[in-house]
Amino acid sequence: MICEQCGSEVVKKKGLTPKQMHTLNLIDDWIKEHGHSPSYTELCKLMNTNRSNVHGYIKRLKERGYVTNIPGQQRSLQVIN
């Protein structure tokens, strides 16, 4: 499946909404390209949404075990395979 917003391939994951899958794929692609996770501001720009929405998507990805981070450390999101 191809994302209509950014044109990237979206890998489906069980139990995730399309926006959550998109967020997960954007984080994973960013890490592969840049060597570190994107900031919330960068995700906002990529997804054309606000910080509150991005925070909610990441919160649910953490709750479902798809991403983790080091509390208090910037750019520490990691995708869990």
PDB file of N, CA and C in Angstrom:
ATOM      1  N   MET A   1       0.848  -1.175   0.000  1.00  0.00           N
ATOM      2  CA  MET A   1       0.000   0.000   0.000  1.00  0.00           C
ATOM      3  C   MET A   1       0.895   1.241   0.000  1.00  0.00           C
ATOM      4  N   ILE A   2       0.541   2.239  -0.781  1.00  0.00           N
ATOM      5  CA  ILE A   2       1.308   3.473  -0.900  1.00  0.00           C
ATOM      6  C   ILE A   2       0.565   4.609  -0.191  1.00  0.00           C
ATOM      7  N   CYS A   3       1.296   5.373   0.605  1.00  0.00           N
ATOM      8  CA  CYS A   3       0.721   6.518   1.313  1.00  0.00           C
ATOM      9  C   CYS A   3       0.392   7.622   0.316  1.00  0.00           C
ATOM     10  N   GLU A   4      -0.813   8.122   0.374  1.00  0.00           N
ATOM     11  CA  GLU A   4      -1.240   9.183  -0.531  1.00  0.00           C
ATOM     12  C   GLU A   4      -0.582  10.515  -0.186  1.00  0.00           C
ATOM     13  N   GLN A   5      -0.200  10.718   1.088  1.00  0.00           N
ATOM     14  CA  GLN A   5       0.399  11.988   1.507  1.00  0.00           C
ATOM     15  C   GLN A   5       1.848  12.124   1.061  1.00  0.00           C
ATOM     16  N   CYS A   6       2.649  11.061   1.300  1.00  0.00           N
ATOM     17  CA  CYS A   6       4.077  11.207   1.041  1.00  0.00           C
ATOM     18  C   CYS A   6       4.607  10.284  -0.044  1.00  0.00           C
ATOM     19  N   GLY A   7       3.788   9.327  -0.521  1.00  0.00           N
ATOM     20  CA  GLY A   7       4.208   8.434  -1.592  1.00  0.00           C
ATOM     21  C   GLY A   7       5.064   7.268  -1.145  1.00  0.00           C
ATOM     22  N   SER A   8       5.289   7.115   0.168  1.00  0.00           N
ATOM     23  CA  SER A   8       6.096   6.002   0.650  1.00  0.00           C
ATOM     24  C   SER A   8       5.239   4.759   0.825  1.00  0.00           C
ATOM     25  N   GLU A   9       5.913   3.619   0.810  1.00  0.00           N
ATOM     26  CA  GLU A   9       5.199   2.365   1.008  1.00  0.00           C
ATOM     27  C   GLU A   9       4.825   2.232   2.479  1.00  0.00           C
ATOM     28  N   VAL A  10       3.585   1.838   2.743  1.00  0.00           N
ATOM     29  CA  VAL A  10       3.102   1.677   4.108  1.00  0.00           C
ATOM     30  C   VAL A  10       3.006   0.190   4.404  1.00  0.00           C
ATOM     31  N   VAL A  11       3.764  -0.258   5.402  1.00  0.00           N
ATOM     32  CA  VAL A  11       3.729  -1.652   5.826  1.00  0.00           C
ATOM     33  C   VAL A  11       2.644  -1.789   6.870  1.00  0.00           C
ATOM     34  N   LYS A  12       1.697  -2.707   6.631  1.00  0.00           N
ATOM     35  CA  LYS A  12       0.592  -2.888   7.571  1.00  0.00           C
ATOM     36  C   LYS A  12       1.060  -3.642   8.805  1.00  0.00           C
ATOM     37  N   LYS A  13       0.604  -3.194   9.955  1.00  0.00           N
ATOM     38  CA  LYS A  13       0.887  -3.842  11.231  1.00  0.00           C
ATOM     39  C   LYS A  13      -0.434  -4.089  11.931  1.00  0.00           C
ATOM     40  N   LYS A  14      -0.560  -5.225  12.543  1.00  0.00           N
ATOM     41  CA  LYS A  14      -1.799  -5.603  13.208  1.00  0.00           C
ATOM     42  C   LYS A  14      -2.125  -4.647  14.358  1.00  0.00           C
ATOM     43  N   GLY A  15      -3.387  -4.213  14.412  1.00  0.00           N
ATOM     44  CA  GLY A  15      -3.866  -3.397  15.517  1.00  0.00           C
ATOM     45  C   GLY A  15      -3.581  -1.915  15.412  1.00  0.00           C
ATOM     46  N   LEU A  16      -3.068  -1.452  14.257  1.00  0.00           N
ATOM     47  CA  LEU A  16      -2.764  -0.036  14.093  1.00  0.00           C
ATOM     48  C   LEU A  16      -3.713   0.604  13.092  1.00  0.00           C
ATOM     49  N   THR A  17      -4.053   1.859  13.363  1.00  0.00           N
ATOM     50  CA  THR A  17      -4.848   2.630  12.413  1.00  0.00           C
ATOM     51  C   THR A  17      -3.941   3.032  11.246  1.00  0.00           C
ATOM     52  N   PRO A  18      -4.515   3.461  10.124  1.00  0.00           N
ATOM     53  CA  PRO A  18      -3.674   3.922   9.014  1.00  0.00           C
ATOM     54  C   PRO A  18      -2.719   5.051   9.405  1.00  0.00           C
ATOM     55  N   LYS A  19      -3.167   5.999  10.218  1.00  0.00           N
ATOM     56  CA  LYS A  19      -2.290   7.107  10.644  1.00  0.00           C
ATOM     57  C   LYS A  19      -1.149   6.605  11.521  1.00  0.00           C
ATOM     58  N   GLN A  20      -1.447   5.640  12.409  1.00  0.00           N
ATOM     59  CA  GLN A  20      -0.399   5.072  13.257  1.00  0.00           C
ATOM     60  C   GLN A  20       0.615   4.311  12.415  1.00  0.00           C
ATOM     61  N   MET A  21       0.133   3.552  11.417  1.00  0.00           N
ATOM     62  CA  MET A  21       1.039   2.830  10.513  1.00  0.00           C
ATOM     63  C   MET A  21       1.907   3.814   9.746  1.00  0.00           C
ATOM     64  N   HIS A  22       1.291   4.900   9.278  1.00  0.00           N
ATOM     65  CA  HIS A  22       2.030   5.927   8.544  1.00  0.00           C
ATOM     66  C   HIS A  22       3.119   6.528   9.436  1.00  0.00           C
ATOM     67  N   THR A  23       2.769   6.849  10.672  1.00  0.00           N
ATOM     68  CA  THR A  23       3.734   7.414  11.619  1.00  0.00           C
ATOM     69  C   THR A  23       4.890   6.452  11.846  1.00  0.00           C
ATOM     70  N   LEU A  24       4.577   5.186  12.077  1.00  0.00           N
ATOM     71  CA  LEU A  24       5.609   4.173  12.305  1.00  0.00           C
ATOM     72  C   LEU A  24       6.544   4.062  11.105  1.00  0.00           C
ATOM     73  N   ASN A  25       5.971   4.023   9.908  1.00  0.00           N
ATOM     74  CA  ASN A  25       6.783   3.930   8.701  1.00  0.00           C
ATOM     75  C   ASN A  25       7.649   5.167   8.485  1.00  0.00           C
ATOM     76  N   LEU A  26       7.102   6.350   8.777  1.00  0.00           N
ATOM     77  CA  LEU A  26       7.895   7.578   8.653  1.00  0.00           C
ATOM     78  C   LEU A  26       9.079   7.562   9.618  1.00  0.00           C
ATOM     79  N   ILE A  27       8.841   7.149  10.843  1.00  0.00           N
ATOM     80  CA  ILE A  27       9.926   7.077  11.844  1.00  0.00           C
ATOM     81  C   ILE A  27      11.002   6.098  11.378  1.00  0.00           C
ATOM     82  N   ASP A  28      10.575   4.919  10.947  1.00  0.00           N
ATOM     83  CA  ASP A  28      11.512   3.881  10.500  1.00  0.00           C
ATOM     84  C   ASP A  28      12.328   4.365   9.293  1.00  0.00           C
ATOM     85  N   ASP A  29      11.660   4.952   8.308  1.00  0.00           N
ATOM     86  CA  ASP A  29      12.362   5.451   7.118  1.00  0.00           C
ATOM     87  C   ASP A  29      13.337   6.568   7.475  1.00  0.00           C
ATOM     88  N   TRP A  30      12.914   7.469   8.382  1.00  0.00           N
ATOM     89  CA  TRP A  30      13.778   8.587   8.795  1.00  0.00           C
ATOM     90  C   TRP A  30      15.047   8.058   9.467  1.00  0.00           C
ATOM     91  N   ILE A  31      14.881   7.096  10.372  1.00  0.00           N
ATOM     92  CA  ILE A  31      16.038   6.533  11.078  1.00  0.00           C
ATOM     93  C   ILE A  31      17.004   5.894  10.081  1.00  0.00           C
ATOM     94  N   LYS A  32      16.475   5.157   9.107  1.00  0.00           N
ATOM     95  CA  LYS A  32      17.326   4.509   8.093  1.00  0.00           C
ATOM     96  C   LYS A  32      18.082   5.546   7.262  1.00  0.00           C
ATOM     97  N   GLU A  33      17.436   6.660   6.968  1.00  0.00           N
ATOM     98  CA  GLU A  33      18.050   7.685   6.127  1.00  0.00           C
ATOM     99  C   GLU A  33      19.012   8.597   6.883  1.00  0.00           C
ATOM    100  N   HIS A  34      18.649   8.972   8.126  1.00  0.00           N
ATOM    101  CA  HIS A  34      19.410   9.980   8.869  1.00  0.00           C
ATOM    102  C   HIS A  34      20.244   9.432  10.025  1.00  0.00           C
ATOM    103  N   GLY A  35      19.997   8.200  10.440  1.00  0.00           N
ATOM    104  CA  GLY A  35      20.760   7.619  11.534  1.00  0.00           C
ATOM    105  C   GLY A  35      20.247   7.973  12.919  1.00  0.00           C
ATOM    106  N   HIS A  36      19.164   8.732  12.988  1.00  0.00           N
ATOM    107  CA  HIS A  36      18.534   9.085  14.256  1.00  0.00           C
ATOM    108  C   HIS A  36      17.055   9.304  13.992  1.00  0.00           C
ATOM    109  N   SER A  37      16.272   9.316  15.052  1.00  0.00           N
ATOM    110  CA  SER A  37      14.833   9.479  14.871  1.00  0.00           C
ATOM    111  C   SER A  37      14.473  10.936  14.588  1.00  0.00           C
ATOM    112  N   PRO A  38      13.328  11.160  13.957  1.00  0.00           N
ATOM    113  CA  PRO A  38      12.900  12.539  13.704  1.00  0.00           C
ATOM    114  C   PRO A  38      12.400  13.200  14.986  1.00  0.00           C
ATOM    115  N   SER A  39      12.468  14.506  15.009  1.00  0.00           N
ATOM    116  CA  SER A  39      11.877  15.257  16.121  1.00  0.00           C
ATOM    117  C   SER A  39      10.370  15.307  15.923  1.00  0.00           C
ATOM    118  N   TYR A  40       9.648  15.657  16.950  1.00  0.00           N
ATOM    119  CA  TYR A  40       8.199  15.812  16.820  1.00  0.00           C
ATOM    120  C   TYR A  40       7.881  16.888  15.785  1.00  0.00           C
ATOM    121  N   THR A  41       8.669  17.965  15.758  1.00  0.00           N
ATOM    122  CA  THR A  41       8.455  19.040  14.792  1.00  0.00           C
ATOM    123  C   THR A  41       8.627  18.530  13.362  1.00  0.00           C
ATOM    124  N   GLU A  42       9.643  17.721  13.136  1.00  0.00           N
ATOM    125  CA  GLU A  42       9.857  17.149  11.806  1.00  0.00           C
ATOM    126  C   GLU A  42       8.706  16.220  11.414  1.00  0.00           C
ATOM    127  N   LEU A  43       8.227  15.421  12.371  1.00  0.00           N
ATOM    128  CA  LEU A  43       7.078  14.562  12.089  1.00  0.00           C
ATOM    129  C   LEU A  43       5.839  15.389  11.767  1.00  0.00           C
ATOM    130  N   CYS A  44       5.647  16.484  12.479  1.00  0.00           N
ATOM    131  CA  CYS A  44       4.506  17.370  12.203  1.00  0.00           C
ATOM    132  C   CYS A  44       4.548  17.857  10.761  1.00  0.00           C
ATOM    133  N   LYS A  45       5.716  18.274  10.308  1.00  0.00           N
ATOM    134  CA  LYS A  45       5.868  18.770   8.945  1.00  0.00           C
ATOM    135  C   LYS A  45       5.644  17.650   7.931  1.00  0.00           C
ATOM    136  N   LEU A  46       6.225  16.481   8.183  1.00  0.00           N
ATOM    137  CA  LEU A  46       6.073  15.348   7.267  1.00  0.00           C
ATOM    138  C   LEU A  46       4.626  14.905   7.140  1.00  0.00           C
ATOM    139  N   MET A  47       3.895  14.973   8.254  1.00  0.00           N
ATOM    140  CA  MET A  47       2.520  14.475   8.281  1.00  0.00           C
ATOM    141  C   MET A  47       1.486  15.578   8.085  1.00  0.00           C
ATOM    142  N   ASN A  48       1.953  16.816   8.010  1.00  0.00           N
ATOM    143  CA  ASN A  48       1.052  17.954   7.865  1.00  0.00           C
ATOM    144  C   ASN A  48      -0.028  17.957   8.953  1.00  0.00           C
ATOM    145  N   THR A  49       0.429  17.843  10.192  1.00  0.00           N
ATOM    146  CA  THR A  49      -0.483  17.822  11.330  1.00  0.00           C
ATOM    147  C   THR A  49       0.153  18.572  12.492  1.00  0.00           C
ATOM    148  N   ASN A  50      -0.522  18.595  13.626  1.00  0.00           N
ATOM    149  CA  ASN A  50       0.005  19.329  14.783  1.00  0.00           C
ATOM    150  C   ASN A  50       0.709  18.396  15.772  1.00  0.00           C
ATOM    151  N   ARG A  51       1.410  18.999  16.707  1.00  0.00           N
ATOM    152  CA  ARG A  51       2.206  18.265  17.691  1.00  0.00           C
ATOM    153  C   ARG A  51       1.342  17.353  18.567  1.00  0.00           C
ATOM    154  N   SER A  52       0.147  17.805  18.887  1.00  0.00           N
ATOM    155  CA  SER A  52      -0.750  17.006  19.714  1.00  0.00           C
ATOM    156  C   SER A  52      -1.101  15.680  19.031  1.00  0.00           C
ATOM    157  N   ASN A  53      -1.392  15.734  17.737  1.00  0.00           N
ATOM    158  CA  ASN A  53      -1.697  14.505  17.000  1.00  0.00           C
ATOM    159  C   ASN A  53      -0.492  13.573  16.944  1.00  0.00           C
ATOM    160  N   VAL A  54       0.674  14.134  16.646  1.00  0.00           N
ATOM    161  CA  VAL A  54       1.894  13.333  16.584  1.00  0.00           C
ATOM    162  C   VAL A  54       2.155  12.673  17.939  1.00  0.00           C
ATOM    163  N   HIS A  55       2.000  13.435  19.003  1.00  0.00           N
ATOM    164  CA  HIS A  55       2.199  12.898  20.348  1.00  0.00           C
ATOM    165  C   HIS A  55       1.247  11.720  20.590  1.00  0.00           C
ATOM    166  N   GLY A  56      -0.009  11.868  20.190  1.00  0.00           N
ATOM    167  CA  GLY A  56      -0.994  10.795  20.367  1.00  0.00           C
ATOM    168  C   GLY A  56      -0.637   9.548  19.578  1.00  0.00           C
ATOM    169  N   TYR A  57      -0.196   9.722  18.321  1.00  0.00           N
ATOM    170  CA  TYR A  57       0.184   8.563  17.498  1.00  0.00           C
ATOM    171  C   TYR A  57       1.354   7.821  18.138  1.00  0.00           C
ATOM    172  N   ILE A  58       2.352   8.577  18.580  1.00  0.00           N
ATOM    173  CA  ILE A  58       3.534   7.948  19.187  1.00  0.00           C
ATOM    174  C   ILE A  58       3.173   7.289  20.511  1.00  0.00           C
ATOM    175  N   LYS A  59       2.325   7.918  21.290  1.00  0.00           N
ATOM    176  CA  LYS A  59       1.892   7.334  22.564  1.00  0.00           C
ATOM    177  C   LYS A  59       1.253   5.969  22.333  1.00  0.00           C
ATOM    178  N   ARG A  60       0.374   5.880  21.327  1.00  0.00           N
ATOM    179  CA  ARG A  60      -0.285   4.604  21.053  1.00  0.00           C
ATOM    180  C   ARG A  60       0.682   3.574  20.469  1.00  0.00           C
ATOM    181  N   LEU A  61       1.652   4.028  19.678  1.00  0.00           N
ATOM    182  CA  LEU A  61       2.662   3.101  19.166  1.00  0.00           C
ATOM    183  C   LEU A  61       3.492   2.531  20.319  1.00  0.00           C
ATOM    184  N   LYS A  62       3.788   3.359  21.317  1.00  0.00           N
ATOM    185  CA  LYS A  62       4.505   2.881  22.508  1.00  0.00           C
ATOM    186  C   LYS A  62       3.657   1.885  23.282  1.00  0.00           C
ATOM    187  N   GLU A  63       2.382   2.214  23.483  1.00  0.00           N
ATOM    188  CA  GLU A  63       1.480   1.332  24.232  1.00  0.00           C
ATOM    189  C   GLU A  63       1.342  -0.035  23.566  1.00  0.00           C
ATOM    190  N   ARG A  64       1.389  -0.065  22.254  1.00  0.00           N
ATOM    191  CA  ARG A  64       1.225  -1.320  21.507  1.00  0.00           C
ATOM    192  C   ARG A  64       2.564  -2.038  21.278  1.00  0.00           C
ATOM    193  N   GLY A  65       3.659  -1.436  21.746  1.00  0.00           N
ATOM    194  CA  GLY A  65       4.965  -2.091  21.674  1.00  0.00           C
ATOM    195  C   GLY A  65       5.684  -1.972  20.344  1.00  0.00           C
ATOM    196  N   TYR A  66       5.318  -0.979  19.523  1.00  0.00           N
ATOM    197  CA  TYR A  66       5.966  -0.805  18.225  1.00  0.00           C
ATOM    198  C   TYR A  66       7.153   0.147  18.274  1.00  0.00           C
ATOM    199  N   VAL A  67       7.173   1.063  19.236  1.00  0.00           N
ATOM    200  CA  VAL A  67       8.311   1.971  19.406  1.00  0.00           C
ATOM    201  C   VAL A  67       8.621   2.117  20.889  1.00  0.00           C
ATOM    202  N   THR A  68       9.837   2.543  21.151  1.00  0.00           N
ATOM    203  CA  THR A  68      10.265   2.849  22.512  1.00  0.00           C
ATOM    204  C   THR A  68      11.155   4.087  22.439  1.00  0.00           C
ATOM    205  N   ASN A  69      11.439   4.659  23.586  1.00  0.00           N
ATOM    206  CA  ASN A  69      12.370   5.790  23.638  1.00  0.00           C
ATOM    207  C   ASN A  69      13.013   5.849  25.011  1.00  0.00           C
ATOM    208  N   ILE A  70      14.048   6.677  25.098  1.00  0.00           N
ATOM    209  CA  ILE A  70      14.710   6.921  26.376  1.00  0.00           C
ATOM    210  C   ILE A  70      14.103   8.197  26.941  1.00  0.00           C
ATOM    211  N   PRO A  71      13.389   8.112  28.075  1.00  0.00           N
ATOM    212  CA  PRO A  71      12.741   9.303  28.641  1.00  0.00           C
ATOM    213  C   PRO A  71      13.737  10.439  28.871  1.00  0.00           C
ATOM    214  N   GLY A  72      13.353  11.627  28.439  1.00  0.00           N
ATOM    215  CA  GLY A  72      14.177  12.809  28.637  1.00  0.00           C
ATOM    216  C   GLY A  72      15.268  13.004  27.606  1.00  0.00           C
ATOM    217  N   GLN A  73      15.447  12.065  26.708  1.00  0.00           N
ATOM    218  CA  GLN A  73      16.486  12.194  25.689  1.00  0.00           C
ATOM    219  C   GLN A  73      15.842  12.478  24.335  1.00  0.00           C
ATOM    220  N   GLN A  74      16.314  13.518  23.678  1.00  0.00           N
ATOM    221  CA  GLN A  74      15.774  13.889  22.377  1.00  0.00           C
ATOM    222  C   GLN A  74      16.180  12.893  21.298  1.00  0.00           C
ATOM    223  N   ARG A  75      15.305  12.729  20.302  1.00  0.00           N
ATOM    224  CA  ARG A  75      15.567  11.874  19.143  1.00  0.00           C
ATOM    225  C   ARG A  75      15.951  10.447  19.537  1.00  0.00           C
ATOM    226  N   SER A  76      15.275   9.921  20.539  1.00  0.00           N
ATOM    227  CA  SER A  76      15.607   8.583  21.023  1.00  0.00           C
ATOM    228  C   SER A  76      14.564   7.538  20.651  1.00  0.00           C
ATOM    229  N   LEU A  77      13.608   7.882  19.783  1.00  0.00           N
ATOM    230  CA  LEU A  77      12.635   6.886  19.353  1.00  0.00           C
ATOM    231  C   LEU A  77      13.320   5.752  18.612  1.00  0.00           C
ATOM    232  N   GLN A  78      12.903   4.531  18.920  1.00  0.00           N
ATOM    233  CA  GLN A  78      13.423   3.358  18.235  1.00  0.00           C
ATOM    234  C   GLN A  78      12.252   2.477  17.847  1.00  0.00           C
ATOM    235  N   VAL A  79      12.271   1.981  16.617  1.00  0.00           N
ATOM    236  CA  VAL A  79      11.246   1.059  16.157  1.00  0.00           C
ATOM    237  C   VAL A  79      11.613  -0.339  16.633  1.00  0.00           C
ATOM    238  N   ILE A  80      10.653  -1.010  17.217  1.00  0.00           N
ATOM    239  CA  ILE A  80      10.856  -2.371  17.713  1.00  0.00           C
ATOM    240  C   ILE A  80      10.307  -3.324  16.658  1.00  0.00           C
ATOM    241  N   ASN A  81      11.149  -4.191  16.173  1.00  0.00           N
ATOM    242  CA  ASN A  81      10.724  -5.135  15.119  1.00  0.00           C
ATOM    243  C   ASN A  81      10.102  -6.373  15.699  1.00  0.00           C
TER     244      ASN A  81
END
